[in-house]
Amino acid sequence: MIFSHKINGIVIENKNIDFQNNQISVKLHNLSHIPNEKDSYNISFGGLRGYHALESKGIPDENDILTFVINRNEYQKVTIGTRAKISPVRM
């Protein structure tokens, strides 16, 4: 695994999609590579300890917004406006 430099962003959406999962959308500030669909990322959210390995739901749109599906119970503190540091994981 190779970790490239971090991408900064801010959470702009944390939406319930079913009883167990939420969809989080992050607005990226300094996108430096073109991600592929289902790329893996290590993400650090402000207010939560450590990095969390998540897989993207798609590629960023024209507004540099990246979407993840997460477990609702583990990420209740991730609210709109939460800062995020994202590091792409390359295999």
PDB file of N, CA and C in Angstrom:
ATOM      1  N   MET A   1       0.830  -1.171   0.000  1.00  0.00           N
ATOM      2  CA  MET A   1       0.000   0.000   0.000  1.00  0.00           C
ATOM      3  C   MET A   1       0.876   1.237   0.000  1.00  0.00           C
ATOM      4  N   ILE A   2       0.499   2.213  -0.786  1.00  0.00           N
ATOM      5  CA  ILE A   2       1.213   3.478  -0.830  1.00  0.00           C
ATOM      6  C   ILE A   2       0.218   4.572  -0.462  1.00  0.00           C
ATOM      7  N   PHE A   3       0.588   5.424   0.476  1.00  0.00           N
ATOM      8  CA  PHE A   3      -0.270   6.523   0.890  1.00  0.00           C
ATOM      9  C   PHE A   3       0.269   7.800   0.270  1.00  0.00           C
ATOM     10  N   SER A   4      -0.553   8.506  -0.474  1.00  0.00           N
ATOM     11  CA  SER A   4      -0.118   9.781  -1.024  1.00  0.00           C
ATOM     12  C   SER A   4      -0.498  10.885  -0.042  1.00  0.00           C
ATOM     13  N   HIS A   5      -0.228  12.131  -0.397  1.00  0.00           N
ATOM     14  CA  HIS A   5      -0.478  13.220   0.546  1.00  0.00           C
ATOM     15  C   HIS A   5      -1.969  13.400   0.818  1.00  0.00           C
ATOM     16  N   LYS A   6      -2.269  14.127   1.877  1.00  0.00           N
ATOM     17  CA  LYS A   6      -3.645  14.278   2.341  1.00  0.00           C
ATOM     18  C   LYS A   6      -4.409  15.312   1.520  1.00  0.00           C
ATOM     19  N   ILE A   7      -5.693  15.080   1.406  1.00  0.00           N
ATOM     20  CA  ILE A   7      -6.629  16.004   0.781  1.00  0.00           C
ATOM     21  C   ILE A   7      -7.513  16.533   1.906  1.00  0.00           C
ATOM     22  N   ASN A   8      -7.688  17.833   1.985  1.00  0.00           N
ATOM     23  CA  ASN A   8      -8.557  18.419   2.995  1.00  0.00           C
ATOM     24  C   ASN A   8      -9.958  18.582   2.442  1.00  0.00           C
ATOM     25  N   GLY A   9     -10.929  18.496   3.335  1.00  0.00           N
ATOM     26  CA  GLY A   9     -12.311  18.670   2.914  1.00  0.00           C
ATOM     27  C   GLY A   9     -13.198  18.992   4.098  1.00  0.00           C
ATOM     28  N   ILE A  10     -14.465  19.175   3.808  1.00  0.00           N
ATOM     29  CA  ILE A  10     -15.445  19.466   4.845  1.00  0.00           C
ATOM     30  C   ILE A  10     -16.724  18.687   4.523  1.00  0.00           C
ATOM     31  N   VAL A  11     -17.349  18.129   5.558  1.00  0.00           N
ATOM     32  CA  VAL A  11     -18.578  17.353   5.381  1.00  0.00           C
ATOM     33  C   VAL A  11     -19.719  18.319   5.056  1.00  0.00           C
ATOM     34  N   ILE A  12     -20.409  18.064   3.949  1.00  0.00           N
ATOM     35  CA  ILE A  12     -21.533  18.924   3.570  1.00  0.00           C
ATOM     36  C   ILE A  12     -22.871  18.199   3.673  1.00  0.00           C
ATOM     37  N   GLU A  13     -22.830  16.870   3.902  1.00  0.00           N
ATOM     38  CA  GLU A  13     -24.077  16.109   4.023  1.00  0.00           C
ATOM     39  C   GLU A  13     -23.821  14.831   4.816  1.00  0.00           C
ATOM     40  N   ASN A  14     -24.743  14.502   5.722  1.00  0.00           N
ATOM     41  CA  ASN A  14     -24.751  13.227   6.432  1.00  0.00           C
ATOM     42  C   ASN A  14     -26.208  12.786   6.460  1.00  0.00           C
ATOM     43  N   LYS A  15     -26.601  11.975   5.491  1.00  0.00           N
ATOM     44  CA  LYS A  15     -28.003  11.644   5.250  1.00  0.00           C
ATOM     45  C   LYS A  15     -28.266  10.172   5.556  1.00  0.00           C
ATOM     46  N   ASN A  16     -29.384   9.888   6.245  1.00  0.00           N
ATOM     47  CA  ASN A  16     -29.806   8.510   6.495  1.00  0.00           C
ATOM     48  C   ASN A  16     -30.283   7.886   5.187  1.00  0.00           C
ATOM     49  N   ILE A  17     -29.764   6.673   4.874  1.00  0.00           N
ATOM     50  CA  ILE A  17     -30.267   5.980   3.686  1.00  0.00           C
ATOM     51  C   ILE A  17     -31.044   4.721   4.049  1.00  0.00           C
ATOM     52  N   ASP A  18     -30.807   4.163   5.225  1.00  0.00           N
ATOM     53  CA  ASP A  18     -31.631   3.083   5.766  1.00  0.00           C
ATOM     54  C   ASP A  18     -31.387   3.024   7.268  1.00  0.00           C
ATOM     55  N   PHE A  19     -31.944   2.024   7.943  1.00  0.00           N
ATOM     56  CA  PHE A  19     -31.851   1.966   9.405  1.00  0.00           C
ATOM     57  C   PHE A  19     -30.437   1.749   9.915  1.00  0.00           C
ATOM     58  N   GLN A  20     -29.518   1.346   9.060  1.00  0.00           N
ATOM     59  CA  GLN A  20     -28.172   1.009   9.503  1.00  0.00           C
ATOM     60  C   GLN A  20     -27.078   1.893   8.901  1.00  0.00           C
ATOM     61  N   ASN A  21     -27.333   2.527   7.761  1.00  0.00           N
ATOM     62  CA  ASN A  21     -26.283   3.248   7.043  1.00  0.00           C
ATOM     63  C   ASN A  21     -26.628   4.705   6.779  1.00  0.00           C
ATOM     64  N   ASN A  22     -25.585   5.510   6.711  1.00  0.00           N
ATOM     65  CA  ASN A  22     -25.689   6.910   6.323  1.00  0.00           C
ATOM     66  C   ASN A  22     -24.835   7.147   5.092  1.00  0.00           C
ATOM     67  N   GLN A  23     -25.157   8.202   4.373  1.00  0.00           N
ATOM     68  CA  GLN A  23     -24.343   8.632   3.239  1.00  0.00           C
ATOM     69  C   GLN A  23     -23.702   9.959   3.619  1.00  0.00           C
ATOM     70  N   ILE A  24     -22.377  10.002   3.561  1.00  0.00           N
ATOM     71  CA  ILE A  24     -21.640  11.227   3.875  1.00  0.00           C
ATOM     72  C   ILE A  24     -21.059  11.779   2.587  1.00  0.00           C
ATOM     73  N   SER A  25     -21.253  13.078   2.357  1.00  0.00           N
ATOM     74  CA  SER A  25     -20.657  13.759   1.209  1.00  0.00           C
ATOM     75  C   SER A  25     -19.636  14.759   1.723  1.00  0.00           C
ATOM     76  N   VAL A  26     -18.443  14.736   1.114  1.00  0.00           N
ATOM     77  CA  VAL A  26     -17.343  15.605   1.531  1.00  0.00           C
ATOM     78  C   VAL A  26     -16.949  16.489   0.355  1.00  0.00           C
ATOM     79  N   LYS A  27     -16.913  17.808   0.589  1.00  0.00           N
ATOM     80  CA  LYS A  27     -16.434  18.766  -0.413  1.00  0.00           C
ATOM     81  C   LYS A  27     -14.924  18.834  -0.286  1.00  0.00           C
ATOM     82  N   LEU A  28     -14.211  18.445  -1.344  1.00  0.00           N
ATOM     83  CA  LEU A  28     -12.748  18.398  -1.337  1.00  0.00           C
ATOM     84  C   LEU A  28     -12.177  19.765  -1.702  1.00  0.00           C
ATOM     85  N   HIS A  29     -11.128  20.191  -0.967  1.00  0.00           N
ATOM     86  CA  HIS A  29     -10.536  21.512  -1.201  1.00  0.00           C
ATOM     87  C   HIS A  29      -9.351  21.476  -2.145  1.00  0.00           C
ATOM     88  N   ASN A  30      -8.549  20.446  -2.088  1.00  0.00           N
ATOM     89  CA  ASN A  30      -7.320  20.413  -2.892  1.00  0.00           C
ATOM     90  C   ASN A  30      -7.140  19.041  -3.543  1.00  0.00           C
ATOM     91  N   LEU A  31      -8.042  18.703  -4.434  1.00  0.00           N
ATOM     92  CA  LEU A  31      -7.996  17.413  -5.120  1.00  0.00           C
ATOM     93  C   LEU A  31      -6.781  17.371  -6.036  1.00  0.00           C
ATOM     94  N   SER A  32      -5.920  16.368  -5.839  1.00  0.00           N
ATOM     95  CA  SER A  32      -4.661  16.318  -6.585  1.00  0.00           C
ATOM     96  C   SER A  32      -4.574  15.135  -7.539  1.00  0.00           C
ATOM     97  N   HIS A  33      -5.524  14.224  -7.492  1.00  0.00           N
ATOM     98  CA  HIS A  33      -5.520  13.099  -8.420  1.00  0.00           C
ATOM     99  C   HIS A  33      -6.956  12.804  -8.838  1.00  0.00           C
ATOM    100  N   ILE A  34      -7.106  12.089  -9.919  1.00  0.00           N
ATOM    101  CA  ILE A  34      -8.435  11.714 -10.394  1.00  0.00           C
ATOM    102  C   ILE A  34      -8.766  10.341  -9.815  1.00  0.00           C
ATOM    103  N   PRO A  35      -9.638  10.286  -8.805  1.00  0.00           N
ATOM    104  CA  PRO A  35      -9.957   8.997  -8.196  1.00  0.00           C
ATOM    105  C   PRO A  35     -10.851   8.152  -9.097  1.00  0.00           C
ATOM    106  N   ASN A  36     -10.761   6.867  -8.909  1.00  0.00           N
ATOM    107  CA  ASN A  36     -11.630   5.925  -9.600  1.00  0.00           C
ATOM    108  C   ASN A  36     -12.805   5.577  -8.704  1.00  0.00           C
ATOM    109  N   GLU A  37     -13.839   5.002  -9.293  1.00  0.00           N
ATOM    110  CA  GLU A  37     -14.974   4.555  -8.504  1.00  0.00           C
ATOM    111  C   GLU A  37     -14.523   3.439  -7.573  1.00  0.00           C
ATOM    112  N   LYS A  38     -15.010   3.461  -6.349  1.00  0.00           N
ATOM    113  CA  LYS A  38     -14.700   2.471  -5.312  1.00  0.00           C
ATOM    114  C   LYS A  38     -13.236   2.486  -4.882  1.00  0.00           C
ATOM    115  N   ASP A  39     -12.563   3.626  -4.983  1.00  0.00           N
ATOM    116  CA  ASP A  39     -11.225   3.770  -4.410  1.00  0.00           C
ATOM    117  C   ASP A  39     -11.340   3.725  -2.894  1.00  0.00           C
ATOM    118  N   SER A  40     -10.284   3.277  -2.234  1.00  0.00           N
ATOM    119  CA  SER A  40     -10.257   3.247  -0.772  1.00  0.00           C
ATOM    120  C   SER A  40      -9.523   4.474  -0.251  1.00  0.00           C
ATOM    121  N   TYR A  41      -9.987   4.968   0.890  1.00  0.00           N
ATOM    122  CA  TYR A  41      -9.402   6.156   1.498  1.00  0.00           C
ATOM    123  C   TYR A  41      -9.264   5.942   2.995  1.00  0.00           C
ATOM    124  N   ASN A  42      -8.240   6.530   3.576  1.00  0.00           N
ATOM    125  CA  ASN A  42      -8.126   6.658   5.020  1.00  0.00           C
ATOM    126  C   ASN A  42      -8.594   8.067   5.346  1.00  0.00           C
ATOM    127  N   ILE A  43      -9.609   8.165   6.205  1.00  0.00           N
ATOM    128  CA  ILE A  43     -10.217   9.460   6.495  1.00  0.00           C
ATOM    129  C   ILE A  43     -10.167   9.732   7.987  1.00  0.00           C
ATOM    130  N   SER A  44      -9.735  10.943   8.327  1.00  0.00           N
ATOM    131  CA  SER A  44      -9.754  11.410   9.701  1.00  0.00           C
ATOM    132  C   SER A  44     -10.788  12.525   9.793  1.00  0.00           C
ATOM    133  N   PHE A  45     -11.809  12.319  10.623  1.00  0.00           N
ATOM    134  CA  PHE A  45     -12.835  13.333  10.833  1.00  0.00           C
ATOM    135  C   PHE A  45     -12.519  14.096  12.109  1.00  0.00           C
ATOM    136  N   GLY A  46     -12.692  15.406  12.086  1.00  0.00           N
ATOM    137  CA  GLY A  46     -12.516  16.211  13.286  1.00  0.00           C
ATOM    138  C   GLY A  46     -13.473  15.739  14.366  1.00  0.00           C
ATOM    139  N   GLY A  47     -12.977  15.502  15.569  1.00  0.00           N
ATOM    140  CA  GLY A  47     -13.814  15.028  16.662  1.00  0.00           C
ATOM    141  C   GLY A  47     -13.799  13.526  16.854  1.00  0.00           C
ATOM    142  N   LEU A  48     -13.280  12.773  15.888  1.00  0.00           N
ATOM    143  CA  LEU A  48     -13.146  11.320  16.016  1.00  0.00           C
ATOM    144  C   LEU A  48     -11.672  10.967  16.022  1.00  0.00           C
ATOM    145  N   ARG A  49     -11.307   9.985  16.788  1.00  0.00           N
ATOM    146  CA  ARG A  49      -9.902   9.581  16.872  1.00  0.00           C
ATOM    147  C   ARG A  49      -9.494   8.701  15.709  1.00  0.00           C
ATOM    148  N   GLY A  50      -8.283   8.921  15.228  1.00  0.00           N
ATOM    149  CA  GLY A  50      -7.674   8.040  14.249  1.00  0.00           C
ATOM    150  C   GLY A  50      -8.239   8.165  12.845  1.00  0.00           C
ATOM    151  N   TYR A  51      -7.718   7.299  11.998  1.00  0.00           N
ATOM    152  CA  TYR A  51      -8.152   7.237  10.606  1.00  0.00           C
ATOM    153  C   TYR A  51      -9.111   6.072  10.417  1.00  0.00           C
ATOM    154  N   HIS A  52     -10.035   6.231   9.497  1.00  0.00           N
ATOM    155  CA  HIS A  52     -11.046   5.227   9.213  1.00  0.00           C
ATOM    156  C   HIS A  52     -10.947   4.860   7.740  1.00  0.00           C
ATOM    157  N   ALA A  53     -10.875   3.569   7.437  1.00  0.00           N
ATOM    158  CA  ALA A  53     -10.778   3.108   6.051  1.00  0.00           C
ATOM    159  C   ALA A  53     -12.181   3.046   5.454  1.00  0.00           C
ATOM    160  N   LEU A  54     -12.413   3.840   4.409  1.00  0.00           N
ATOM    161  CA  LEU A  54     -13.711   3.874   3.742  1.00  0.00           C
ATOM    162  C   LEU A  54     -13.517   3.756   2.240  1.00  0.00           C
ATOM    163  N   GLU A  55     -14.533   3.235   1.576  1.00  0.00           N
ATOM    164  CA  GLU A  55     -14.510   3.093   0.117  1.00  0.00           C
ATOM    165  C   GLU A  55     -15.501   4.087  -0.475  1.00  0.00           C
ATOM    166  N   SER A  56     -15.075   4.806  -1.507  1.00  0.00           N
ATOM    167  CA  SER A  56     -15.955   5.810  -2.108  1.00  0.00           C
ATOM    168  C   SER A  56     -17.093   5.145  -2.870  1.00  0.00           C
ATOM    169  N   LYS A  57     -18.210   5.836  -2.921  1.00  0.00           N
ATOM    170  CA  LYS A  57     -19.386   5.333  -3.623  1.00  0.00           C
ATOM    171  C   LYS A  57     -19.303   5.640  -5.116  1.00  0.00           C
ATOM    172  N   GLY A  58     -18.539   6.626  -5.486  1.00  0.00           N
ATOM    173  CA  GLY A  58     -18.402   7.019  -6.887  1.00  0.00           C
ATOM    174  C   GLY A  58     -17.188   7.914  -7.046  1.00  0.00           C
ATOM    175  N   ILE A  59     -17.115   8.607  -8.160  1.00  0.00           N
ATOM    176  CA  ILE A  59     -16.025   9.553  -8.370  1.00  0.00           C
ATOM    177  C   ILE A  59     -16.531  10.954  -8.034  1.00  0.00           C
ATOM    178  N   PRO A  60     -15.628  11.889  -7.680  1.00  0.00           N
ATOM    179  CA  PRO A  60     -16.088  13.246  -7.374  1.00  0.00           C
ATOM    180  C   PRO A  60     -16.776  13.874  -8.594  1.00  0.00           C
ATOM    181  N   ASP A  61     -17.827  14.626  -8.329  1.00  0.00           N
ATOM    182  CA  ASP A  61     -18.513  15.300  -9.428  1.00  0.00           C
ATOM    183  C   ASP A  61     -17.767  16.578  -9.801  1.00  0.00           C
ATOM    184  N   GLU A  62     -18.369  17.400 -10.647  1.00  0.00           N
ATOM    185  CA  GLU A  62     -17.692  18.615 -11.107  1.00  0.00           C
ATOM    186  C   GLU A  62     -17.446  19.618  -9.989  1.00  0.00           C
ATOM    187  N   ASN A  63     -18.115  19.457  -8.850  1.00  0.00           N
ATOM    188  CA  ASN A  63     -17.916  20.340  -7.701  1.00  0.00           C
ATOM    189  C   ASN A  63     -16.951  19.752  -6.678  1.00  0.00           C
ATOM    190  N   ASP A  64     -16.217  18.704  -7.043  1.00  0.00           N
ATOM    191  CA  ASP A  64     -15.265  18.021  -6.160  1.00  0.00           C
ATOM    192  C   ASP A  64     -15.926  17.503  -4.887  1.00  0.00           C
ATOM    193  N   ILE A  65     -17.079  16.864  -5.027  1.00  0.00           N
ATOM    194  CA  ILE A  65     -17.786  16.271  -3.890  1.00  0.00           C
ATOM    195  C   ILE A  65     -17.655  14.757  -3.984  1.00  0.00           C
ATOM    196  N   LEU A  66     -17.133  14.147  -2.915  1.00  0.00           N
ATOM    197  CA  LEU A  66     -16.914  12.708  -2.843  1.00  0.00           C
ATOM    198  C   LEU A  66     -17.891  12.122  -1.829  1.00  0.00           C
ATOM    199  N   THR A  67     -18.496  10.968  -2.144  1.00  0.00           N
ATOM    200  CA  THR A  67     -19.546  10.378  -1.318  1.00  0.00           C
ATOM    201  C   THR A  67     -19.121   9.015  -0.781  1.00  0.00           C
ATOM    202  N   PHE A  68     -19.457   8.757   0.486  1.00  0.00           N
ATOM    203  CA  PHE A  68     -19.170   7.492   1.156  1.00  0.00           C
ATOM    204  C   PHE A  68     -20.437   6.985   1.822  1.00  0.00           C
ATOM    205  N   VAL A  69     -20.593   5.657   1.915  1.00  0.00           N
ATOM    206  CA  VAL A  69     -21.664   5.047   2.699  1.00  0.00           C
ATOM    207  C   VAL A  69     -21.010   4.485   3.952  1.00  0.00           C
ATOM    208  N   ILE A  70     -21.547   4.861   5.116  1.00  0.00           N
ATOM    209  CA  ILE A  70     -20.934   4.491   6.395  1.00  0.00           C
ATOM    210  C   ILE A  70     -21.973   3.883   7.323  1.00  0.00           C
ATOM    211  N   ASN A  71     -21.480   3.224   8.381  1.00  0.00           N
ATOM    212  CA  ASN A  71     -22.338   2.679   9.424  1.00  0.00           C
ATOM    213  C   ASN A  71     -22.791   3.824  10.320  1.00  0.00           C
ATOM    214  N   ARG A  72     -24.073   3.954  10.514  1.00  0.00           N
ATOM    215  CA  ARG A  72     -24.635   5.075  11.266  1.00  0.00           C
ATOM    216  C   ARG A  72     -24.123   5.144  12.706  1.00  0.00           C
ATOM    217  N   ASN A  73     -24.034   4.023  13.394  1.00  0.00           N
ATOM    218  CA  ASN A  73     -23.661   4.030  14.809  1.00  0.00           C
ATOM    219  C   ASN A  73     -22.242   4.518  15.047  1.00  0.00           C
ATOM    220  N   GLU A  74     -21.324   4.212  14.148  1.00  0.00           N
ATOM    221  CA  GLU A  74     -19.928   4.577  14.347  1.00  0.00           C
ATOM    222  C   GLU A  74     -19.640   6.039  14.030  1.00  0.00           C
ATOM    223  N   TYR A  75     -20.493   6.692  13.273  1.00  0.00           N
ATOM    224  CA  TYR A  75     -20.183   8.034  12.782  1.00  0.00           C
ATOM    225  C   TYR A  75     -21.261   9.050  13.128  1.00  0.00           C
ATOM    226  N   GLN A  76     -21.852   8.953  14.321  1.00  0.00           N
ATOM    227  CA  GLN A  76     -22.887   9.898  14.722  1.00  0.00           C
ATOM    228  C   GLN A  76     -22.329  11.304  14.925  1.00  0.00           C
ATOM    229  N   LYS A  77     -21.050  11.414  15.304  1.00  0.00           N
ATOM    230  CA  LYS A  77     -20.452  12.727  15.549  1.00  0.00           C
ATOM    231  C   LYS A  77     -20.082  13.467  14.274  1.00  0.00           C
ATOM    232  N   VAL A  78     -20.137  12.793  13.138  1.00  0.00           N
ATOM    233  CA  VAL A  78     -19.796  13.439  11.871  1.00  0.00           C
ATOM    234  C   VAL A  78     -21.011  14.242  11.419  1.00  0.00           C
ATOM    235  N   THR A  79     -20.943  15.549  11.602  1.00  0.00           N
ATOM    236  CA  THR A  79     -22.049  16.426  11.245  1.00  0.00           C
ATOM    237  C   THR A  79     -21.623  17.355  10.114  1.00  0.00           C
ATOM    238  N   ILE A  80     -22.575  18.069   9.576  1.00  0.00           N
ATOM    239  CA  ILE A  80     -22.268  19.043   8.528  1.00  0.00           C
ATOM    240  C   ILE A  80     -21.311  20.076   9.104  1.00  0.00           C
ATOM    241  N   GLY A  81     -20.244  20.347   8.389  1.00  0.00           N
ATOM    242  CA  GLY A  81     -19.227  21.294   8.834  1.00  0.00           C
ATOM    243  C   GLY A  81     -18.017  20.634   9.470  1.00  0.00           C
ATOM    244  N   THR A  82     -18.060  19.316   9.698  1.00  0.00           N
ATOM    245  CA  THR A  82     -16.921  18.601  10.276  1.00  0.00           C
ATOM    246  C   THR A  82     -15.771  18.576   9.279  1.00  0.00           C
ATOM    247  N   ARG A  83     -14.573  18.915   9.755  1.00  0.00           N
ATOM    248  CA  ARG A  83     -13.391  18.878   8.894  1.00  0.00           C
ATOM    249  C   ARG A  83     -12.968  17.438   8.656  1.00  0.00           C
ATOM    250  N   ALA A  84     -12.419  17.179   7.474  1.00  0.00           N
ATOM    251  CA  ALA A  84     -11.955  15.838   7.124  1.00  0.00           C
ATOM    252  C   ALA A  84     -10.593  15.932   6.451  1.00  0.00           C
ATOM    253  N   LYS A  85      -9.720  14.991   6.790  1.00  0.00           N
ATOM    254  CA  LYS A  85      -8.446  14.831   6.099  1.00  0.00           C
ATOM    255  C   LYS A  85      -8.493  13.469   5.432  1.00  0.00           C
ATOM    256  N   ILE A  86      -8.297  13.451   4.130  1.00  0.00           N
ATOM    257  CA  ILE A  86      -8.465  12.237   3.340  1.00  0.00           C
ATOM    258  C   ILE A  86      -7.149  11.881   2.681  1.00  0.00           C
ATOM    259  N   SER A  87      -6.773  10.624   2.818  1.00  0.00           N
ATOM    260  CA  SER A  87      -5.543  10.127   2.211  1.00  0.00           C
ATOM    261  C   SER A  87      -5.893   8.938   1.329  1.00  0.00           C
ATOM    262  N   PRO A  88      -5.693   9.053   0.003  1.00  0.00           N
ATOM    263  CA  PRO A  88      -5.993   7.917  -0.874  1.00  0.00           C
ATOM    264  C   PRO A  88      -5.074   6.736  -0.584  1.00  0.00           C
ATOM    265  N   VAL A  89      -5.615   5.533  -0.652  1.00  0.00           N
ATOM    266  CA  VAL A  89      -4.828   4.318  -0.470  1.00  0.00           C
ATOM    267  C   VAL A  89      -4.627   3.712  -1.847  1.00  0.00           C
ATOM    268  N   ARG A  90      -3.390   3.510  -2.217  1.00  0.00           N
ATOM    269  CA  ARG A  90      -3.080   2.908  -3.522  1.00  0.00           C
ATOM    270  C   ARG A  90      -2.557   1.510  -3.289  1.00  0.00           C
ATOM    271  N   MET A  91      -3.012   0.589  -4.081  1.00  0.00           N
ATOM    272  CA  MET A  91      -2.557  -0.800  -3.966  1.00  0.00           C
ATOM    273  C   MET A  91      -1.402  -1.046  -4.898  1.00  0.00           C
TER     274      MET A  91
END
